[in-house]
Protein backbone atom coordinates (compact mmCIF):
# COMPACT_ATOMS: atom_id res chain seq x y z
CA UNK A 1 8.99 119.83 205.00
CA UNK A 2 9.98 117.22 202.39
CA UNK A 3 9.37 117.27 198.63
CA UNK A 4 8.69 114.99 195.70
CA UNK A 5 10.05 116.42 192.43
CA UNK A 6 9.33 114.86 189.03
CA UNK A 7 11.48 115.13 185.92
CA UNK A 8 9.03 117.57 184.29
CA UNK A 9 9.51 120.04 187.15
CA UNK A 10 6.28 119.28 189.03
CA UNK A 11 6.70 119.33 192.84
CA UNK A 12 4.54 117.90 195.66
CA UNK A 13 4.98 118.73 199.34
CA UNK A 14 4.89 116.17 202.11
CA UNK A 15 6.27 115.22 205.51
CA UNK A 16 9.03 112.67 205.98
CA UNK A 17 8.07 109.65 208.09
CA UNK A 18 10.64 107.16 206.84
CA UNK A 19 14.40 106.92 206.58
CA UNK A 20 16.49 110.06 206.22
CA UNK A 21 18.02 110.86 202.85
CA UNK A 22 16.70 110.98 199.31
CA UNK A 23 15.49 108.46 196.73
CA UNK A 24 15.83 108.57 192.94
CA UNK A 25 13.69 106.39 190.68
CA UNK A 26 10.54 106.02 188.60
CA UNK A 27 7.35 107.27 190.29
CA UNK A 28 4.55 104.71 189.97
CA UNK A 29 1.24 104.08 191.68
CA UNK A 30 -0.71 101.08 192.94
CA UNK A 31 -4.46 101.00 193.56
CA UNK A 32 -4.52 98.21 196.14
CA UNK A 33 -6.54 98.93 199.28
CA UNK A 34 -4.21 96.68 201.27
CA UNK A 35 -0.88 94.92 200.79
CA UNK A 36 1.39 97.90 201.37
CA UNK A 37 4.14 95.77 202.89
CA UNK A 38 3.81 93.29 200.04
CA UNK A 39 4.20 96.08 197.49
CA UNK A 40 7.41 97.43 199.03
CA UNK A 41 8.95 93.94 199.02
CA UNK A 42 7.64 93.01 195.54
CA UNK A 43 10.54 92.65 193.02
CA UNK A 44 8.40 94.24 190.28
CA UNK A 45 8.75 97.56 192.13
CA UNK A 46 12.55 97.43 192.00
CA UNK A 47 14.08 100.94 192.33
CA UNK A 48 10.67 102.65 192.09
CA UNK A 49 8.86 105.26 194.17
CA UNK A 50 5.45 103.82 195.03
CA UNK A 51 2.43 106.08 195.40
CA UNK A 52 -0.42 104.37 197.28
CA UNK A 53 -3.87 105.53 196.15
CA UNK A 54 -5.57 104.22 199.33
CA UNK A 55 -6.16 107.17 201.70
CA UNK A 56 -4.59 105.54 204.80
CA UNK A 57 -1.57 103.24 204.80
CA UNK A 58 -0.28 101.26 207.78
CA UNK A 59 -3.60 100.56 209.52
CA UNK A 60 -2.91 96.92 210.35
CA UNK A 61 0.81 97.09 211.04
CA UNK A 62 3.47 94.85 209.57
CA UNK A 63 4.46 91.18 209.78
CA UNK A 64 7.52 89.54 208.26
CA UNK A 65 5.46 86.68 206.78
CA UNK A 66 3.63 89.19 204.56
CA UNK A 67 6.80 90.13 202.68
CA UNK A 68 6.95 89.07 199.02
CA UNK A 69 10.73 88.55 199.14
CA UNK A 70 13.67 88.54 201.52
CA UNK A 71 14.32 92.28 201.13
CA UNK A 72 12.66 95.53 200.17
CA UNK A 73 12.77 96.59 196.51
CA UNK A 74 11.02 99.97 196.38
CA UNK A 75 13.16 103.03 197.07
CA UNK A 76 10.41 105.22 198.53
CA UNK A 77 6.70 105.26 199.39
CA UNK A 78 4.30 108.19 198.91
CA UNK A 79 1.12 108.31 201.00
CA UNK A 80 -1.87 110.49 201.69
CA UNK A 81 -1.77 109.55 205.37
CA UNK A 82 0.62 107.18 207.17
CA UNK A 83 -1.08 105.42 210.09
CA UNK A 84 0.60 103.68 213.03
CA UNK A 85 4.16 103.83 214.38
CA UNK A 86 4.76 100.16 213.58
CA UNK A 87 4.57 100.87 209.82
CA UNK A 88 6.73 104.00 209.86
CA UNK A 89 9.32 102.38 212.14
CA UNK A 90 9.47 99.42 209.74
CA UNK A 91 10.13 101.81 206.84
CA UNK A 92 12.94 103.53 208.74
CA UNK A 93 14.45 100.19 209.79
CA UNK A 94 14.58 99.08 206.15
CA UNK A 95 15.98 102.36 204.85
CA UNK A 96 12.87 103.33 202.89
CA UNK A 97 12.30 107.03 202.28
CA UNK A 98 8.63 107.80 202.97
CA UNK A 99 6.45 110.90 202.59
CA UNK A 100 3.00 111.44 204.07
CA UNK A 101 0.61 114.31 203.37
CA UNK A 102 1.10 113.97 199.60
CA UNK A 103 -1.87 114.90 197.36
CA UNK A 104 -1.92 111.39 195.91
CA UNK A 105 -4.98 112.03 193.75
CA UNK A 106 -3.33 114.81 191.74
CA UNK A 107 -0.08 112.84 191.61
CA UNK A 108 -1.79 109.75 190.19
CA UNK A 109 -3.64 111.81 187.57
CA UNK A 110 -0.35 113.39 186.58
CA UNK A 111 1.39 110.02 186.29
CA UNK A 112 -1.46 108.54 184.24
CA UNK A 113 -1.38 111.41 181.76
CA UNK A 114 2.38 111.37 181.38
CA UNK A 115 2.45 108.94 178.43
CA UNK A 116 -0.55 110.15 176.43
CA UNK A 117 0.86 113.24 174.71
CA UNK A 118 4.07 111.72 173.31
CA UNK A 119 2.19 108.57 172.26
CA UNK A 120 -0.43 110.52 170.30
CA UNK A 121 2.25 112.75 168.76
CA UNK A 122 4.28 109.77 167.53
CA UNK A 123 1.14 108.03 166.23
CA UNK A 124 0.08 111.19 164.35
CA UNK A 125 3.40 111.33 162.51
CA UNK A 126 3.16 107.61 161.72
CA UNK A 127 -0.38 108.10 160.36
CA UNK A 128 0.76 110.78 157.93
CA UNK A 129 3.61 108.54 156.73
CA UNK A 130 1.18 105.64 156.20
CA UNK A 131 -1.25 107.92 154.35
CA UNK A 132 1.58 109.24 152.19
CA UNK A 133 2.47 105.68 151.26
CA UNK A 134 -1.16 104.88 150.30
CA UNK A 135 -1.36 102.27 153.08
CA UNK A 136 -4.29 103.76 155.04
CA UNK A 137 -6.54 100.77 154.30
CA UNK A 138 -4.01 98.15 155.37
CA UNK A 139 -3.03 96.58 158.68
CA UNK A 140 -0.14 99.05 158.83
CA UNK A 141 -2.75 101.55 160.02
CA UNK A 142 -5.20 99.39 161.95
CA UNK A 143 -2.59 97.28 163.77
CA UNK A 144 0.60 99.29 163.46
CA UNK A 145 -0.73 102.60 164.84
CA UNK A 146 -2.29 101.20 168.05
CA UNK A 147 0.80 99.02 168.55
CA UNK A 148 2.97 102.13 168.31
CA UNK A 149 0.71 104.00 170.75
CA UNK A 150 1.01 101.20 173.29
CA UNK A 151 4.78 100.83 172.83
CA UNK A 152 5.36 104.54 173.51
CA UNK A 153 3.07 104.38 176.55
CA UNK A 154 4.88 101.33 177.94
CA UNK A 155 8.17 103.18 177.54
CA UNK A 156 6.84 106.37 179.12
CA UNK A 157 4.86 105.24 182.16
CA UNK A 158 4.76 102.74 184.97
CA UNK A 159 3.80 99.18 184.01
CA UNK A 160 1.06 99.35 186.66
CA UNK A 161 -0.63 102.17 184.76
CA UNK A 162 0.29 101.26 181.17
CA UNK A 163 -3.11 99.77 180.25
CA UNK A 164 -5.05 102.79 181.45
CA UNK A 165 -2.78 105.26 179.70
CA UNK A 166 -2.71 103.15 176.52
CA UNK A 167 -6.52 103.24 176.39
CA UNK A 168 -6.50 106.99 177.02
CA UNK A 169 -3.91 107.51 174.28
CA UNK A 170 -5.99 105.47 171.83
CA UNK A 171 -9.11 107.47 172.74
CA UNK A 172 -7.29 110.77 172.25
CA UNK A 173 -5.83 109.50 168.97
CA UNK A 174 -9.27 108.50 167.65
CA UNK A 175 -10.71 111.89 168.60
CA UNK A 176 -7.79 113.63 166.93
CA UNK A 177 -8.45 111.63 163.75
CA UNK A 178 -12.02 112.98 163.67
CA UNK A 179 -11.27 116.60 164.56
CA UNK A 180 -7.90 117.22 162.90
CA UNK A 181 -7.36 114.45 160.33
CA UNK A 182 -11.00 114.65 159.09
CA UNK A 183 -11.73 110.94 159.39
CA UNK A 184 -15.39 109.88 159.24
CA UNK A 185 -17.31 108.48 162.18
CA UNK A 186 -17.95 105.14 160.47
CA UNK A 187 -14.23 104.51 159.92
CA UNK A 188 -13.49 105.46 163.53
CA UNK A 189 -16.29 103.25 164.88
CA UNK A 190 -15.14 100.28 162.79
CA UNK A 191 -11.48 100.67 163.72
CA UNK A 192 -11.90 101.53 167.44
CA UNK A 193 -12.25 97.91 168.71
CA UNK A 194 -9.05 96.72 167.02
CA UNK A 195 -7.17 99.84 168.20
CA UNK A 196 -8.14 99.14 171.81
CA UNK A 197 -7.52 95.38 171.43
CA UNK A 198 -3.97 95.83 170.14
CA UNK A 199 -3.08 98.57 172.64
CA UNK A 200 -4.43 96.64 175.65
CA UNK A 201 -2.75 93.43 174.47
CA UNK A 202 0.68 95.05 174.26
CA UNK A 203 0.30 96.96 177.53
CA UNK A 204 -0.93 93.87 179.42
CA UNK A 205 1.89 91.75 177.98
CA UNK A 206 4.43 94.34 179.09
CA UNK A 207 2.94 94.42 182.58
CA UNK A 208 2.98 90.63 182.86
CA UNK A 209 6.53 90.22 181.59
CA UNK A 210 7.89 93.01 183.77
CA UNK A 211 6.25 91.53 186.87
CA UNK A 212 7.67 88.09 186.21
CA UNK A 213 11.17 89.06 185.21
CA UNK A 214 14.17 88.14 187.38
CA UNK A 215 15.21 91.31 189.24
CA UNK A 216 18.78 90.74 188.14
CA UNK A 217 17.93 90.18 184.50
CA UNK A 218 17.68 93.87 183.57
CA UNK A 219 14.78 95.97 182.35
CA UNK A 220 12.33 94.38 179.94
CA UNK A 221 12.41 96.07 176.55
CA UNK A 222 8.96 96.74 175.07
CA UNK A 223 10.58 96.81 171.65
CA UNK A 224 10.40 93.01 171.76
CA UNK A 225 6.62 93.38 171.57
CA UNK A 226 6.96 95.66 168.57
CA UNK A 227 8.84 92.90 166.75
CA UNK A 228 5.94 90.53 167.42
CA UNK A 229 3.45 93.05 165.99
CA UNK A 230 5.38 93.67 162.76
CA UNK A 231 4.05 90.59 160.87
CA UNK A 232 0.47 91.47 161.85
CA UNK A 233 0.99 95.03 160.62
CA UNK A 234 2.01 93.94 157.12
CA UNK A 235 -1.35 92.49 156.01
CA UNK A 236 -2.44 94.34 152.88
CA UNK A 237 0.99 95.80 152.12
CA UNK A 238 3.39 94.71 149.39
CA UNK A 239 4.87 92.15 151.78
CA UNK A 240 1.84 89.98 152.52
CA UNK A 241 -1.91 89.79 152.06
CA UNK A 242 -4.71 87.26 152.20
CA UNK A 243 -7.08 86.49 149.32
CA UNK A 244 -9.31 89.50 148.70
CA UNK A 245 -11.99 88.02 146.45
CA UNK A 246 -15.17 87.23 148.40
CA UNK A 247 -18.62 85.86 147.57
CA UNK A 248 -21.68 86.19 149.82
CA UNK A 249 -25.14 84.74 149.17
CA UNK A 250 -28.50 85.24 150.84
CA UNK A 251 -31.61 83.16 150.14
CA UNK A 252 -35.22 84.01 150.96
CA UNK A 253 -38.68 82.69 150.23
CA UNK A 254 -40.65 85.12 148.08
CA UNK A 255 -44.40 84.78 147.69
CA UNK A 256 -44.52 85.20 143.93
CA UNK A 257 -44.31 83.04 140.86
CA UNK A 258 -41.02 82.55 138.97
CA UNK A 259 -42.35 84.62 136.03
CA UNK A 260 -43.32 87.55 138.29
CA UNK A 261 -39.89 87.49 139.95
CA UNK A 262 -38.09 87.59 136.60
CA UNK A 263 -40.18 90.54 135.43
CA UNK A 264 -39.55 92.40 138.70
CA UNK A 265 -35.78 91.90 138.51
CA UNK A 266 -35.34 93.32 135.00
CA UNK A 267 -37.50 96.37 135.69
CA UNK A 268 -35.95 99.59 137.02
CA UNK A 269 -35.35 98.79 140.70
CA UNK A 270 -36.88 100.79 143.52
CA UNK A 271 -35.11 101.53 146.79
CA UNK A 272 -38.01 102.78 148.87
CA UNK A 273 -37.73 100.23 151.63
CA UNK A 274 -35.81 101.13 154.82
CA UNK A 275 -32.24 99.93 154.94
CA UNK A 276 -31.07 97.68 157.81
CA UNK A 277 -29.68 99.72 160.72
CA UNK A 278 -26.08 98.55 160.11
CA UNK A 279 -26.18 99.80 156.52
CA UNK A 280 -27.57 103.16 157.64
CA UNK A 281 -24.49 103.76 159.80
CA UNK A 282 -22.64 105.60 157.03
CA UNK A 283 -22.37 103.33 154.00
CA UNK A 284 -23.28 104.87 150.61
CA UNK A 285 -26.85 104.04 149.58
CA UNK A 286 -28.52 103.72 146.15
CA UNK A 287 -30.59 106.75 145.11
CA UNK A 288 -31.67 106.27 141.49
CA UNK A 289 -31.16 103.99 138.49
CA UNK A 290 -30.85 104.63 134.76
CA UNK A 291 -31.02 101.70 132.34
CA UNK A 292 -29.58 101.65 128.82
CA UNK A 293 -31.19 98.46 127.55
CA UNK A 294 -29.56 98.78 124.15
CA UNK A 295 -26.08 98.41 125.66
CA UNK A 296 -27.24 96.45 128.69
CA UNK A 297 -25.83 99.03 131.12
CA UNK A 298 -27.36 99.85 134.50
CA UNK A 299 -26.14 103.07 136.11
CA UNK A 300 -26.92 103.23 139.84
CA UNK A 301 -26.31 106.56 141.54
CA UNK A 302 -24.86 106.05 145.04
CA UNK A 303 -25.27 108.94 147.44
CA UNK A 304 -23.46 109.81 150.64
CA UNK A 305 -20.42 108.49 152.36
CA UNK A 306 -18.73 109.21 155.65
CA UNK A 307 -20.44 111.22 158.38
CA UNK A 308 -18.07 113.94 159.55
CA UNK A 309 -18.23 116.77 162.07
CA UNK A 310 -19.80 119.06 159.48
CA UNK A 311 -22.44 116.51 158.46
CA UNK A 312 -22.72 113.68 155.95
CA UNK A 313 -20.28 113.81 153.09
CA UNK A 314 -22.27 114.97 150.03
CA UNK A 315 -20.26 112.88 147.61
CA UNK A 316 -22.17 110.96 144.96
CA UNK A 317 -20.91 108.40 142.51
CA UNK A 318 -22.14 105.90 139.95
CA UNK A 319 -21.96 102.13 140.07
CA UNK A 320 -22.08 100.91 136.45
CA UNK A 321 -23.30 97.33 135.89
CA UNK A 322 -23.45 95.43 132.60
CA UNK A 323 -26.13 92.78 132.12
CA UNK A 324 -24.10 89.75 131.03
CA UNK A 325 -26.70 86.98 131.18
CA UNK A 326 -30.46 86.72 131.43
CA UNK A 327 -32.33 83.46 131.20
CA UNK A 328 -35.01 81.56 133.02
CA UNK A 329 -34.07 81.32 136.67
CA UNK A 330 -30.91 83.45 136.43
CA UNK A 331 -29.76 87.02 135.89
CA UNK A 332 -26.10 88.08 136.08
CA UNK A 333 -24.49 91.53 136.06
CA UNK A 334 -20.80 92.41 135.91
CA UNK A 335 -19.50 95.54 137.63
CA UNK A 336 -17.86 97.84 135.08
CA UNK A 337 -16.89 100.78 137.31
CA UNK A 338 -17.69 102.39 140.65
CA UNK A 339 -17.00 106.03 141.48
CA UNK A 340 -18.88 106.03 144.81
CA UNK A 341 -17.43 106.10 148.30
CA UNK A 342 -18.14 102.35 148.55
CA UNK A 343 -14.72 101.67 147.03
CA UNK A 344 -13.25 102.78 150.36
CA UNK A 345 -14.61 99.53 151.83
CA UNK A 346 -14.86 97.10 148.90
CA UNK A 347 -15.06 96.85 145.10
CA UNK A 348 -18.04 95.14 143.49
CA UNK A 349 -17.26 92.48 140.87
CA UNK A 350 -20.42 90.55 140.01
CA UNK A 351 -24.09 90.13 140.94
CA UNK A 352 -25.86 86.82 140.34
CA UNK A 353 -29.55 86.30 141.08
CA UNK A 354 -31.14 82.85 140.85
CA UNK A 355 -34.64 81.67 141.70
CA UNK A 356 -36.42 78.34 141.87
CA UNK A 357 -40.19 77.84 142.01
CA UNK A 358 -41.41 76.02 145.10
CA UNK A 359 -45.09 76.25 144.14
CA UNK A 360 -47.26 78.29 141.79
CA UNK A 361 -46.96 81.39 144.00
CA UNK A 362 -43.83 80.70 146.03
CA UNK A 363 -40.16 80.79 144.98
CA UNK A 364 -36.75 80.66 146.58
CA UNK A 365 -34.56 83.60 145.53
CA UNK A 366 -30.80 83.61 146.05
CA UNK A 367 -28.87 86.87 145.67
CA UNK A 368 -25.09 86.48 145.36
CA UNK A 369 -22.71 89.43 145.56
CA UNK A 370 -19.08 88.96 144.58
CA UNK A 371 -16.63 91.67 145.59
CA UNK A 372 -13.01 92.44 146.38
CA UNK A 373 -12.24 93.26 150.00
CA UNK A 374 -10.74 96.71 150.53
CA UNK A 375 -9.71 96.82 154.22
CA UNK A 376 -7.03 94.94 156.17
CA UNK A 377 -6.34 93.03 158.35
CA UNK A 378 -8.56 90.36 156.80
CA UNK A 379 -9.29 88.56 160.09
CA UNK A 380 -10.83 91.74 161.51
CA UNK A 381 -12.52 93.58 158.64
CA UNK A 382 -13.42 90.48 156.61
CA UNK A 383 -16.34 89.45 158.88
CA UNK A 384 -17.61 93.05 159.03
CA UNK A 385 -17.69 93.33 155.24
CA UNK A 386 -19.32 89.91 154.81
CA UNK A 387 -22.02 90.85 157.32
CA UNK A 388 -22.73 94.13 155.50
CA UNK A 389 -22.85 92.40 152.11
CA UNK A 390 -25.21 89.72 153.43
CA UNK A 391 -27.56 92.43 154.72
CA UNK A 392 -27.36 94.14 151.34
CA UNK A 393 -28.23 90.89 149.55
CA UNK A 394 -31.31 90.44 151.70
CA UNK A 395 -32.32 94.07 151.19
CA UNK A 396 -32.03 93.70 147.39
CA UNK A 397 -34.22 90.59 147.44
CA UNK A 398 -36.90 92.49 149.36
CA UNK A 399 -36.59 95.65 147.26
CA UNK A 400 -36.05 94.29 143.76
CA UNK A 401 -36.91 90.60 143.51
CA UNK A 402 -40.18 90.90 145.41
CA UNK A 403 -43.00 92.12 143.08
């Protein structure tokens, strides 16, 4: 009886069918249904113990022209079932330690999970440091955390399994943020794509570079990738940021005269129309309005916020607007303050509504919302915020400017 023993103390039993002796190296796996001879002679498997996930290895023998290089590079092969004397004799002739009868399924699952726990643990500590530094809305969180997850995974597992484990680590990290760190579902849903994108990008880059490296050039250091991610992780911090002030406009044809539209806009608005689906995903929504016409102040109560495990956050807040200008064809408000959860995403600055008569009973209404972006990186969250604001502009035209 022969044994495979991992560094964490886990042991698998098997039967030796290769060269006598022992082999020491990193245990990895490959999912190819064929190409076993090519794998053993592939320089990317230098000094590694290859576990083949295919159930039978050696079915079609060996041939020297199939070799990827002039010599073997793997130190050992691990198989569910070795088939054919030609394959096992070839392994012995080339000094390759080989085990058959290994429970390759449980071994592969063990290898895939090996990098998840330390990656999530490191990322959790990093998250608390970022939150303590008031950087949770910057790229330090949305780029830096997934980059760190992937870096730890690349260091901890085989390059052939780094992408899968990186995705698993990101998934576990996102779930942990909901259950333990009390993050809302909307924030997790918005940030998940960039987390996966960064993690997969780093893991794939590591795999590619490690496959292409010269066998004599030494081990590729994933920390080089971390250096490339540092500039991207600084967006929104004290080191660098893009312009935050944004302006979004939406125009629609309203079947009403210019006079009717002006009267409708200055009346107390109603919000009885259904919100677009995207805005119902967890953004705060207007509930009621109080108008102090003497001071020109409009107080809009915003209700709700993030949806958490225990339900929708009951937080309410007030968006205070001051009517700065009202004349024929134009109304303009300036945002004075906002205590709602909306400030987690953006900060309102100004609302400008213009309308032009197209006929006696038809007008073109343009609703412009100016705001300050609250999330980084700009290239990722900027389009999301602009899309949400454009939907809000259209909703306000339908709800307020339409008599």
